[in-house]
Amino acid sequence: AQKPAAADAGTADVAAKASPGLDEEGIPVAWTLQVVTVGSRDKAEALSTRLIGMGYKAYIKALRRDSKTLYRIYVGPKFAREDMLEAKQVIDKELRVTSMVTRYLP
């Protein structure tokens, strides 16, 4: 029997990371990073642009709290939670924030 080449093992690892697991309802499990919530659309867009410049897929979701509109900045989604945890470390250090990895729900 032949042993798989090292490149084959690496390819298998990449394929496993790229393939989403499914939850009990058969929905793919993906992760997102909630970076920060700000009160200004301009601040949210500036931060999103900065994250995109750092190589991340960033997006903004508006939410209402009392009579205010807040803007939450996210990075992701990613299927491998480990990848999101790595991004969290870099983003937290670079932006001096404490972000939060959460389940991605569109």
PDB file of N, CA and C in Angstrom:
ATOM      1  N   ALA A   1       0.842  -1.191   0.000  1.00  0.00           N
ATOM      2  CA  ALA A   1       0.000   0.000   0.000  1.00  0.00           C
ATOM      3  C   ALA A   1       0.874   1.237   0.000  1.00  0.00           C
ATOM      4  N   GLN A   2       0.481   2.224  -0.799  1.00  0.00           N
ATOM      5  CA  GLN A   2       1.224   3.473  -0.880  1.00  0.00           C
ATOM      6  C   GLN A   2       0.731   4.446   0.165  1.00  0.00           C
ATOM      7  N   LYS A   3       1.663   5.202   0.726  1.00  0.00           N
ATOM      8  CA  LYS A   3       1.286   6.269   1.651  1.00  0.00           C
ATOM      9  C   LYS A   3       0.966   7.510   0.836  1.00  0.00           C
ATOM     10  N   PRO A   4      -0.051   8.284   1.219  1.00  0.00           N
ATOM     11  CA  PRO A   4      -0.345   9.508   0.469  1.00  0.00           C
ATOM     12  C   PRO A   4       0.810  10.494   0.596  1.00  0.00           C
ATOM     13  N   ALA A   5       1.055  11.215  -0.455  1.00  0.00           N
ATOM     14  CA  ALA A   5       2.104  12.237  -0.456  1.00  0.00           C
ATOM     15  C   ALA A   5       1.722  13.352   0.501  1.00  0.00           C
ATOM     16  N   ALA A   6       2.726  14.077   0.982  1.00  0.00           N
ATOM     17  CA  ALA A   6       2.471  15.187   1.912  1.00  0.00           C
ATOM     18  C   ALA A   6       1.536  16.212   1.283  1.00  0.00           C
ATOM     19  N   ALA A   7       1.698  16.447  -0.010  1.00  0.00           N
ATOM     20  CA  ALA A   7       0.821  17.410  -0.689  1.00  0.00           C
ATOM     21  C   ALA A   7      -0.622  16.942  -0.652  1.00  0.00           C
ATOM     22  N   ASP A   8      -0.849  15.618  -0.780  1.00  0.00           N
ATOM     23  CA  ASP A   8      -2.209  15.083  -0.718  1.00  0.00           C
ATOM     24  C   ASP A   8      -2.822  15.325   0.658  1.00  0.00           C
ATOM     25  N   ALA A   9      -2.021  15.154   1.704  1.00  0.00           N
ATOM     26  CA  ALA A   9      -2.525  15.378   3.057  1.00  0.00           C
ATOM     27  C   ALA A   9      -2.903  16.843   3.239  1.00  0.00           C
ATOM     28  N   GLY A  10      -2.081  17.766   2.723  1.00  0.00           N
ATOM     29  CA  GLY A  10      -2.384  19.189   2.817  1.00  0.00           C
ATOM     30  C   GLY A  10      -3.646  19.544   2.059  1.00  0.00           C
ATOM     31  N   THR A  11      -3.823  18.926   0.898  1.00  0.00           N
ATOM     32  CA  THR A  11      -5.021  19.157   0.095  1.00  0.00           C
ATOM     33  C   THR A  11      -6.258  18.686   0.836  1.00  0.00           C
ATOM     34  N   ALA A  12      -6.144  17.553   1.513  1.00  0.00           N
ATOM     35  CA  ALA A  12      -7.275  17.026   2.283  1.00  0.00           C
ATOM     36  C   ALA A  12      -7.637  17.971   3.422  1.00  0.00           C
ATOM     37  N   ASP A  13      -6.610  18.552   4.087  1.00  0.00           N
ATOM     38  CA  ASP A  13      -6.875  19.501   5.174  1.00  0.00           C
ATOM     39  C   ASP A  13      -7.605  20.735   4.653  1.00  0.00           C
ATOM     40  N   VAL A  14      -7.166  21.253   3.518  1.00  0.00           N
ATOM     41  CA  VAL A  14      -7.800  22.435   2.927  1.00  0.00           C
ATOM     42  C   VAL A  14      -9.235  22.118   2.547  1.00  0.00           C
ATOM     43  N   ALA A  15      -9.455  20.935   1.948  1.00  0.00           N
ATOM     44  CA  ALA A  15     -10.810  20.542   1.549  1.00  0.00           C
ATOM     45  C   ALA A  15     -11.715  20.411   2.771  1.00  0.00           C
ATOM     46  N   ALA A  16     -11.187  19.856   3.864  1.00  0.00           N
ATOM     47  CA  ALA A  16     -11.986  19.709   5.083  1.00  0.00           C
ATOM     48  C   ALA A  16     -12.363  21.076   5.650  1.00  0.00           C
ATOM     49  N   LYS A  17     -11.428  22.039   5.623  1.00  0.00           N
ATOM     50  CA  LYS A  17     -11.709  23.388   6.123  1.00  0.00           C
ATOM     51  C   LYS A  17     -12.742  24.095   5.255  1.00  0.00           C
ATOM     52  N   ALA A  18     -12.682  23.847   3.947  1.00  0.00           N
ATOM     53  CA  ALA A  18     -13.564  24.545   3.010  1.00  0.00           C
ATOM     54  C   ALA A  18     -14.975  23.976   3.018  1.00  0.00           C
ATOM     55  N   SER A  19     -15.140  22.738   3.499  1.00  0.00           N
ATOM     56  CA  SER A  19     -16.446  22.095   3.511  1.00  0.00           C
ATOM     57  C   SER A  19     -17.163  22.400   4.818  1.00  0.00           C
ATOM     58  N   PRO A  20     -18.324  22.995   4.747  1.00  0.00           N
ATOM     59  CA  PRO A  20     -19.028  23.317   5.989  1.00  0.00           C
ATOM     60  C   PRO A  20     -19.636  22.075   6.631  1.00  0.00           C
ATOM     61  N   GLY A  21     -19.647  22.071   7.959  1.00  0.00           N
ATOM     62  CA  GLY A  21     -20.407  21.062   8.663  1.00  0.00           C
ATOM     63  C   GLY A  21     -21.871  21.480   8.634  1.00  0.00           C
ATOM     64  N   LEU A  22     -22.745  20.578   8.966  1.00  0.00           N
ATOM     65  CA  LEU A  22     -24.175  20.886   8.983  1.00  0.00           C
ATOM     66  C   LEU A  22     -24.696  20.803  10.406  1.00  0.00           C
ATOM     67  N   ASP A  23     -25.625  21.688  10.748  1.00  0.00           N
ATOM     68  CA  ASP A  23     -26.243  21.607  12.070  1.00  0.00           C
ATOM     69  C   ASP A  23     -27.362  20.569  12.039  1.00  0.00           C
ATOM     70  N   GLU A  24     -28.089  20.434  13.136  1.00  0.00           N
ATOM     71  CA  GLU A  24     -29.136  19.414  13.245  1.00  0.00           C
ATOM     72  C   GLU A  24     -30.281  19.625  12.256  1.00  0.00           C
ATOM     73  N   GLU A  25     -30.382  20.835  11.709  1.00  0.00           N
ATOM     74  CA  GLU A  25     -31.417  21.116  10.714  1.00  0.00           C
ATOM     75  C   GLU A  25     -30.894  21.024   9.286  1.00  0.00           C
ATOM     76  N   GLY A  26     -29.621  20.608   9.146  1.00  0.00           N
ATOM     77  CA  GLY A  26     -29.029  20.473   7.822  1.00  0.00           C
ATOM     78  C   GLY A  26     -28.544  21.783   7.231  1.00  0.00           C
ATOM     79  N   ILE A  27     -28.425  22.822   8.060  1.00  0.00           N
ATOM     80  CA  ILE A  27     -27.958  24.125   7.598  1.00  0.00           C
ATOM     81  C   ILE A  27     -26.441  24.194   7.777  1.00  0.00           C
ATOM     82  N   PRO A  28     -25.705  24.664   6.752  1.00  0.00           N
ATOM     83  CA  PRO A  28     -24.244  24.759   6.890  1.00  0.00           C
ATOM     84  C   PRO A  28     -23.859  25.654   8.070  1.00  0.00           C
ATOM     85  N   VAL A  29     -22.853  25.214   8.820  1.00  0.00           N
ATOM     86  CA  VAL A  29     -22.365  25.965   9.966  1.00  0.00           C
ATOM     87  C   VAL A  29     -21.203  26.844   9.500  1.00  0.00           C
ATOM     88  N   ALA A  30     -21.337  28.145   9.701  1.00  0.00           N
ATOM     89  CA  ALA A  30     -20.282  29.093   9.376  1.00  0.00           C
ATOM     90  C   ALA A  30     -20.153  30.072  10.545  1.00  0.00           C
ATOM     91  N   TRP A  31     -19.026  30.770  10.568  1.00  0.00           N
ATOM     92  CA  TRP A  31     -18.720  31.662  11.682  1.00  0.00           C
ATOM     93  C   TRP A  31     -18.440  33.059  11.171  1.00  0.00           C
ATOM     94  N   THR A  32     -18.767  34.038  11.992  1.00  0.00           N
ATOM     95  CA  THR A  32     -18.495  35.433  11.675  1.00  0.00           C
ATOM     96  C   THR A  32     -17.872  36.089  12.898  1.00  0.00           C
ATOM     97  N   LEU A  33     -17.195  37.191  12.668  1.00  0.00           N
ATOM     98  CA  LEU A  33     -16.562  37.919  13.754  1.00  0.00           C
ATOM     99  C   LEU A  33     -17.280  39.249  13.924  1.00  0.00           C
ATOM    100  N   GLN A  34     -17.928  39.424  15.073  1.00  0.00           N
ATOM    101  CA  GLN A  34     -18.550  40.706  15.395  1.00  0.00           C
ATOM    102  C   GLN A  34     -17.441  41.582  15.956  1.00  0.00           C
ATOM    103  N   VAL A  35     -17.010  42.551  15.160  1.00  0.00           N
ATOM    104  CA  VAL A  35     -15.833  43.342  15.521  1.00  0.00           C
ATOM    105  C   VAL A  35     -16.177  44.417  16.536  1.00  0.00           C
ATOM    106  N   VAL A  36     -17.143  45.260  16.203  1.00  0.00           N
ATOM    107  CA  VAL A  36     -17.485  46.377  17.082  1.00  0.00           C
ATOM    108  C   VAL A  36     -18.834  46.943  16.658  1.00  0.00           C
ATOM    109  N   THR A  37     -19.473  47.664  17.577  1.00  0.00           N
ATOM    110  CA  THR A  37     -20.707  48.378  17.285  1.00  0.00           C
ATOM    111  C   THR A  37     -20.447  49.857  17.504  1.00  0.00           C
ATOM    112  N   VAL A  38     -20.834  50.671  16.512  1.00  0.00           N
ATOM    113  CA  VAL A  38     -20.617  52.122  16.598  1.00  0.00           C
ATOM    114  C   VAL A  38     -21.927  52.848  16.329  1.00  0.00           C
ATOM    115  N   GLY A  39     -21.973  54.112  16.708  1.00  0.00           N
ATOM    116  CA  GLY A  39     -23.187  54.898  16.548  1.00  0.00           C
ATOM    117  C   GLY A  39     -23.234  55.747  15.296  1.00  0.00           C
ATOM    118  N   SER A  40     -22.189  55.681  14.484  1.00  0.00           N
ATOM    119  CA  SER A  40     -22.115  56.523  13.298  1.00  0.00           C
ATOM    120  C   SER A  40     -21.914  55.670  12.044  1.00  0.00           C
ATOM    121  N   ARG A  41     -22.729  55.928  11.037  1.00  0.00           N
ATOM    122  CA  ARG A  41     -22.586  55.211   9.763  1.00  0.00           C
ATOM    123  C   ARG A  41     -21.208  55.491   9.144  1.00  0.00           C
ATOM    124  N   ASP A  42     -20.743  56.732   9.250  1.00  0.00           N
ATOM    125  CA  ASP A  42     -19.430  57.090   8.703  1.00  0.00           C
ATOM    126  C   ASP A  42     -18.307  56.297   9.375  1.00  0.00           C
ATOM    127  N   LYS A  43     -18.360  56.183  10.709  1.00  0.00           N
ATOM    128  CA  LYS A  43     -17.359  55.394  11.438  1.00  0.00           C
ATOM    129  C   LYS A  43     -17.407  53.933  11.007  1.00  0.00           C
ATOM    130  N   ALA A  44     -18.615  53.410  10.864  1.00  0.00           N
ATOM    131  CA  ALA A  44     -18.781  52.012  10.460  1.00  0.00           C
ATOM    132  C   ALA A  44     -18.183  51.773   9.076  1.00  0.00           C
ATOM    133  N   GLU A  45     -18.447  52.680   8.154  1.00  0.00           N
ATOM    134  CA  GLU A  45     -17.911  52.537   6.800  1.00  0.00           C
ATOM    135  C   GLU A  45     -16.390  52.665   6.782  1.00  0.00           C
ATOM    136  N   ALA A  46     -15.854  53.578   7.586  1.00  0.00           N
ATOM    137  CA  ALA A  46     -14.399  53.752   7.654  1.00  0.00           C
ATOM    138  C   ALA A  46     -13.734  52.488   8.210  1.00  0.00           C
ATOM    139  N   LEU A  47     -14.327  51.924   9.251  1.00  0.00           N
ATOM    140  CA  LEU A  47     -13.769  50.707   9.840  1.00  0.00           C
ATOM    141  C   LEU A  47     -13.889  49.532   8.877  1.00  0.00           C
ATOM    142  N   SER A  48     -15.014  49.441   8.207  1.00  0.00           N
ATOM    143  CA  SER A  48     -15.209  48.380   7.223  1.00  0.00           C
ATOM    144  C   SER A  48     -14.172  48.492   6.103  1.00  0.00           C
ATOM    145  N   THR A  49     -13.931  49.697   5.634  1.00  0.00           N
ATOM    146  CA  THR A  49     -12.919  49.930   4.594  1.00  0.00           C
ATOM    147  C   THR A  49     -11.529  49.541   5.089  1.00  0.00           C
ATOM    148  N   ARG A  50     -11.247  49.858   6.336  1.00  0.00           N
ATOM    149  CA  ARG A  50      -9.935  49.482   6.920  1.00  0.00           C
ATOM    150  C   ARG A  50      -9.781  47.970   6.973  1.00  0.00           C
ATOM    151  N   LEU A  51     -10.831  47.271   7.403  1.00  0.00           N
ATOM    152  CA  LEU A  51     -10.780  45.807   7.472  1.00  0.00           C
ATOM    153  C   LEU A  51     -10.611  45.194   6.085  1.00  0.00           C
ATOM    154  N   ILE A  52     -11.303  45.749   5.110  1.00  0.00           N
ATOM    155  CA  ILE A  52     -11.165  45.268   3.737  1.00  0.00           C
ATOM    156  C   ILE A  52      -9.732  45.493   3.259  1.00  0.00           C
ATOM    157  N   GLY A  53      -9.154  46.633   3.609  1.00  0.00           N
ATOM    158  CA  GLY A  53      -7.762  46.917   3.283  1.00  0.00           C
ATOM    159  C   GLY A  53      -6.792  45.941   3.934  1.00  0.00           C
ATOM    160  N   MET A  54      -7.193  45.365   5.073  1.00  0.00           N
ATOM    161  CA  MET A  54      -6.374  44.368   5.760  1.00  0.00           C
ATOM    162  C   MET A  54      -6.563  42.985   5.153  1.00  0.00           C
ATOM    163  N   GLY A  55      -7.474  42.874   4.178  1.00  0.00           N
ATOM    164  CA  GLY A  55      -7.670  41.599   3.497  1.00  0.00           C
ATOM    165  C   GLY A  55      -8.866  40.792   3.972  1.00  0.00           C
ATOM    166  N   TYR A  56      -9.723  41.389   4.774  1.00  0.00           N
ATOM    167  CA  TYR A  56     -10.892  40.681   5.288  1.00  0.00           C
ATOM    168  C   TYR A  56     -12.149  41.057   4.522  1.00  0.00           C
ATOM    169  N   LYS A  57     -13.121  40.154   4.532  1.00  0.00           N
ATOM    170  CA  LYS A  57     -14.447  40.451   3.998  1.00  0.00           C
ATOM    171  C   LYS A  57     -15.238  41.060   5.147  1.00  0.00           C
ATOM    172  N   ALA A  58     -15.519  42.336   5.047  1.00  0.00           N
ATOM    173  CA  ALA A  58     -16.214  43.041   6.126  1.00  0.00           C
ATOM    174  C   ALA A  58     -17.574  43.517   5.637  1.00  0.00           C
ATOM    175  N   TYR A  59     -18.526  43.552   6.551  1.00  0.00           N
ATOM    176  CA  TYR A  59     -19.854  44.059   6.220  1.00  0.00           C
ATOM    177  C   TYR A  59     -20.468  44.709   7.449  1.00  0.00           C
ATOM    178  N   ILE A  60     -21.492  45.504   7.209  1.00  0.00           N
ATOM    179  CA  ILE A  60     -22.144  46.292   8.255  1.00  0.00           C
ATOM    180  C   ILE A  60     -23.618  45.901   8.335  1.00  0.00           C
ATOM    181  N   LYS A  61     -24.125  45.791   9.553  1.00  0.00           N
ATOM    182  CA  LYS A  61     -25.561  45.597   9.777  1.00  0.00           C
ATOM    183  C   LYS A  61     -26.036  46.705  10.718  1.00  0.00           C
ATOM    184  N   ALA A  62     -27.102  47.370  10.315  1.00  0.00           N
ATOM    185  CA  ALA A  62     -27.701  48.400  11.162  1.00  0.00           C
ATOM    186  C   ALA A  62     -28.692  47.737  12.111  1.00  0.00           C
ATOM    187  N   LEU A  63     -28.774  48.267  13.336  1.00  0.00           N
ATOM    188  CA  LEU A  63     -29.759  47.771  14.289  1.00  0.00           C
ATOM    189  C   LEU A  63     -30.316  48.929  15.084  1.00  0.00           C
ATOM    190  N   ARG A  64     -31.535  48.778  15.548  1.00  0.00           N
ATOM    191  CA  ARG A  64     -32.200  49.824  16.335  1.00  0.00           C
ATOM    192  C   ARG A  64     -32.121  49.463  17.812  1.00  0.00           C
ATOM    193  N   ARG A  65     -31.721  50.428  18.633  1.00  0.00           N
ATOM    194  CA  ARG A  65     -31.731  50.297  20.091  1.00  0.00           C
ATOM    195  C   ARG A  65     -32.403  51.531  20.629  1.00  0.00           C
ATOM    196  N   ASP A  66     -33.509  51.323  21.281  1.00  0.00           N
ATOM    197  CA  ASP A  66     -34.316  52.454  21.741  1.00  0.00           C
ATOM    198  C   ASP A  66     -34.628  53.321  20.523  1.00  0.00           C
ATOM    199  N   SER A  67     -34.225  54.584  20.543  1.00  0.00           N
ATOM    200  CA  SER A  67     -34.521  55.446  19.393  1.00  0.00           C
ATOM    201  C   SER A  67     -33.277  55.680  18.529  1.00  0.00           C
ATOM    202  N   LYS A  68     -32.212  54.929  18.787  1.00  0.00           N
ATOM    203  CA  LYS A  68     -30.958  55.127  18.065  1.00  0.00           C
ATOM    204  C   LYS A  68     -30.725  54.021  17.038  1.00  0.00           C
ATOM    205  N   THR A  69     -30.019  54.370  15.978  1.00  0.00           N
ATOM    206  CA  THR A  69     -29.541  53.380  15.021  1.00  0.00           C
ATOM    207  C   THR A  69     -28.059  53.153  15.304  1.00  0.00           C
ATOM    208  N   LEU A  70     -27.701  51.903  15.493  1.00  0.00           N
ATOM    209  CA  LEU A  70     -26.310  51.514  15.698  1.00  0.00           C
ATOM    210  C   LEU A  70     -25.862  50.698  14.500  1.00  0.00           C
ATOM    211  N   TYR A  71     -24.554  50.635  14.312  1.00  0.00           N
ATOM    212  CA  TYR A  71     -23.988  49.923  13.169  1.00  0.00           C
ATOM    213  C   TYR A  71     -22.966  48.916  13.672  1.00  0.00           C
ATOM    214  N   ARG A  72     -23.231  47.658  13.378  1.00  0.00           N
ATOM    215  CA  ARG A  72     -22.364  46.578  13.824  1.00  0.00           C
ATOM    216  C   ARG A  72     -21.501  46.138  12.641  1.00  0.00           C
ATOM    217  N   ILE A  73     -20.193  46.067  12.854  1.00  0.00           N
ATOM    218  CA  ILE A  73     -19.259  45.680  11.802  1.00  0.00           C
ATOM    219  C   ILE A  73     -18.849  44.229  12.033  1.00  0.00           C
ATOM    220  N   TYR A  74     -18.955  43.459  10.964  1.00  0.00           N
ATOM    221  CA  TYR A  74     -18.625  42.036  10.991  1.00  0.00           C
ATOM    222  C   TYR A  74     -17.544  41.713   9.972  1.00  0.00           C
ATOM    223  N   VAL A  75     -16.833  40.608  10.213  1.00  0.00           N
ATOM    224  CA  VAL A  75     -15.898  40.023   9.260  1.00  0.00           C
ATOM    225  C   VAL A  75     -16.322  38.579   9.060  1.00  0.00           C
ATOM    226  N   GLY A  76     -16.281  38.120   7.807  1.00  0.00           N
ATOM    227  CA  GLY A  76     -16.599  36.726   7.533  1.00  0.00           C
ATOM    228  C   GLY A  76     -17.660  36.625   6.463  1.00  0.00           C
ATOM    229  N   PRO A  77     -18.314  35.514   6.384  1.00  0.00           N
ATOM    230  CA  PRO A  77     -18.182  34.329   7.227  1.00  0.00           C
ATOM    231  C   PRO A  77     -17.045  33.415   6.765  1.00  0.00           C
ATOM    232  N   LYS A  78     -16.704  32.496   7.656  1.00  0.00           N
ATOM    233  CA  LYS A  78     -15.737  31.428   7.375  1.00  0.00           C
ATOM    234  C   LYS A  78     -16.325  30.131   7.910  1.00  0.00           C
ATOM    235  N   PHE A  79     -16.047  29.039   7.194  1.00  0.00           N
ATOM    236  CA  PHE A  79     -16.558  27.742   7.630  1.00  0.00           C
ATOM    237  C   PHE A  79     -15.719  27.147   8.758  1.00  0.00           C
ATOM    238  N   ALA A  80     -14.433  27.439   8.795  1.00  0.00           N
ATOM    239  CA  ALA A  80     -13.560  26.892   9.838  1.00  0.00           C
ATOM    240  C   ALA A  80     -13.481  27.887  10.994  1.00  0.00           C
ATOM    241  N   ARG A  81     -13.961  27.476  12.140  1.00  0.00           N
ATOM    242  CA  ARG A  81     -13.947  28.349  13.320  1.00  0.00           C
ATOM    243  C   ARG A  81     -12.516  28.753  13.678  1.00  0.00           C
ATOM    244  N   GLU A  82     -11.566  27.834  13.461  1.00  0.00           N
ATOM    245  CA  GLU A  82     -10.162  28.111  13.759  1.00  0.00           C
ATOM    246  C   GLU A  82      -9.655  29.296  12.933  1.00  0.00           C
ATOM    247  N   ASP A  83     -10.068  29.372  11.668  1.00  0.00           N
ATOM    248  CA  ASP A  83      -9.674  30.504  10.824  1.00  0.00           C
ATOM    249  C   ASP A  83     -10.219  31.810  11.383  1.00  0.00           C
ATOM    250  N   MET A  84     -11.435  31.769  11.877  1.00  0.00           N
ATOM    251  CA  MET A  84     -12.043  32.976  12.431  1.00  0.00           C
ATOM    252  C   MET A  84     -11.341  33.376  13.727  1.00  0.00           C
ATOM    253  N   LEU A  85     -10.938  32.390  14.525  1.00  0.00           N
ATOM    254  CA  LEU A  85     -10.217  32.691  15.767  1.00  0.00           C
ATOM    255  C   LEU A  85      -8.862  33.330  15.468  1.00  0.00           C
ATOM    256  N   GLU A  86      -8.209  32.888  14.395  1.00  0.00           N
ATOM    257  CA  GLU A  86      -6.940  33.503  13.979  1.00  0.00           C
ATOM    258  C   GLU A  86      -7.167  34.951  13.556  1.00  0.00           C
ATOM    259  N   ALA A  87      -8.218  35.180  12.776  1.00  0.00           N
ATOM    260  CA  ALA A  87      -8.544  36.542  12.345  1.00  0.00           C
ATOM    261  C   ALA A  87      -8.856  37.414  13.557  1.00  0.00           C
ATOM    262  N   LYS A  88      -9.558  36.862  14.533  1.00  0.00           N
ATOM    263  CA  LYS A  88      -9.903  37.598  15.757  1.00  0.00           C
ATOM    264  C   LYS A  88      -8.648  38.117  16.447  1.00  0.00           C
ATOM    265  N   GLN A  89      -7.647  37.274  16.578  1.00  0.00           N
ATOM    266  CA  GLN A  89      -6.411  37.686  17.254  1.00  0.00           C
ATOM    267  C   GLN A  89      -5.754  38.871  16.544  1.00  0.00           C
ATOM    268  N   VAL A  90      -5.679  38.791  15.218  1.00  0.00           N
ATOM    269  CA  VAL A  90      -5.046  39.855  14.435  1.00  0.00           C
ATOM    270  C   VAL A  90      -5.864  41.148  14.533  1.00  0.00           C
ATOM    271  N   ILE A  91      -7.160  41.036  14.331  1.00  0.00           N
ATOM    272  CA  ILE A  91      -8.035  42.221  14.339  1.00  0.00           C
ATOM    273  C   ILE A  91      -8.076  42.862  15.718  1.00  0.00           C
ATOM    274  N   ASP A  92      -8.197  42.049  16.768  1.00  0.00           N
ATOM    275  CA  ASP A  92      -8.229  42.597  18.123  1.00  0.00           C
ATOM    276  C   ASP A  92      -6.956  43.390  18.425  1.00  0.00           C
ATOM    277  N   LYS A  93      -5.812  42.846  18.024  1.00  0.00           N
ATOM    278  CA  LYS A  93      -4.537  43.513  18.287  1.00  0.00           C
ATOM    279  C   LYS A  93      -4.412  44.789  17.451  1.00  0.00           C
ATOM    280  N   GLU A  94      -4.732  44.703  16.168  1.00  0.00           N
ATOM    281  CA  GLU A  94      -4.588  45.843  15.254  1.00  0.00           C
ATOM    282  C   GLU A  94      -5.536  46.991  15.603  1.00  0.00           C
ATOM    283  N   LEU A  95      -6.782  46.667  15.930  1.00  0.00           N
ATOM    284  CA  LEU A  95      -7.794  47.702  16.180  1.00  0.00           C
ATOM    285  C   LEU A  95      -7.993  48.003  17.664  1.00  0.00           C
ATOM    286  N   ARG A  96      -7.315  47.248  18.512  1.00  0.00           N
ATOM    287  CA  ARG A  96      -7.452  47.386  19.963  1.00  0.00           C
ATOM    288  C   ARG A  96      -8.909  47.267  20.402  1.00  0.00           C
ATOM    289  N   VAL A  97      -9.535  46.163  19.980  1.00  0.00           N
ATOM    290  CA  VAL A  97     -10.919  45.865  20.335  1.00  0.00           C
ATOM    291  C   VAL A  97     -10.972  44.466  20.928  1.00  0.00           C
ATOM    292  N   THR A  98     -12.117  44.118  21.456  1.00  0.00           N
ATOM    293  CA  THR A  98     -12.386  42.747  21.880  1.00  0.00           C
ATOM    294  C   THR A  98     -13.574  42.263  21.075  1.00  0.00           C
ATOM    295  N   SER A  99     -13.262  41.613  19.965  1.00  0.00           N
ATOM    296  CA  SER A  99     -14.313  41.133  19.067  1.00  0.00           C
ATOM    297  C   SER A  99     -14.876  39.803  19.583  1.00  0.00           C
ATOM    298  N   MET A 100     -15.907  39.314  18.890  1.00  0.00           N
ATOM    299  CA  MET A 100     -16.584  38.099  19.348  1.00  0.00           C
ATOM    300  C   MET A 100     -16.922  37.204  18.151  1.00  0.00           C
ATOM    301  N   VAL A 101     -16.493  35.950  18.230  1.00  0.00           N
ATOM    302  CA  VAL A 101     -16.828  34.963  17.190  1.00  0.00           C
ATOM    303  C   VAL A 101     -18.230  34.448  17.470  1.00  0.00           C
ATOM    304  N   THR A 102     -19.079  34.525  16.448  1.00  0.00           N
ATOM    305  CA  THR A 102     -20.454  34.050  16.582  1.00  0.00           C
ATOM    306  C   THR A 102     -20.838  33.215  15.372  1.00  0.00           C
ATOM    307  N   ARG A 103     -21.890  32.465  15.518  1.00  0.00           N
ATOM    308  CA  ARG A 103     -22.422  31.675  14.411  1.00  0.00           C
ATOM    309  C   ARG A 103     -22.976  32.631  13.359  1.00  0.00           C
ATOM    310  N   TYR A 104     -22.654  32.382  12.104  1.00  0.00           N
ATOM    311  CA  TYR A 104     -23.152  33.212  11.017  1.00  0.00           C
ATOM    312  C   TYR A 104     -24.545  32.763  10.636  1.00  0.00           C
ATOM    313  N   LEU A 105     -25.477  33.684  10.708  1.00  0.00           N
ATOM    314  CA  LEU A 105     -26.851  33.423  10.296  1.00  0.00           C
ATOM    315  C   LEU A 105     -27.259  34.557   9.352  1.00  0.00           C
ATOM    316  N   PRO A 106     -27.454  34.232   8.065  1.00  0.00           N
ATOM    317  CA  PRO A 106     -27.784  35.280   7.094  1.00  0.00           C
ATOM    318  C   PRO A 106     -29.137  35.942   7.367  1.00  0.00           C
TER     319      PRO A 106
END
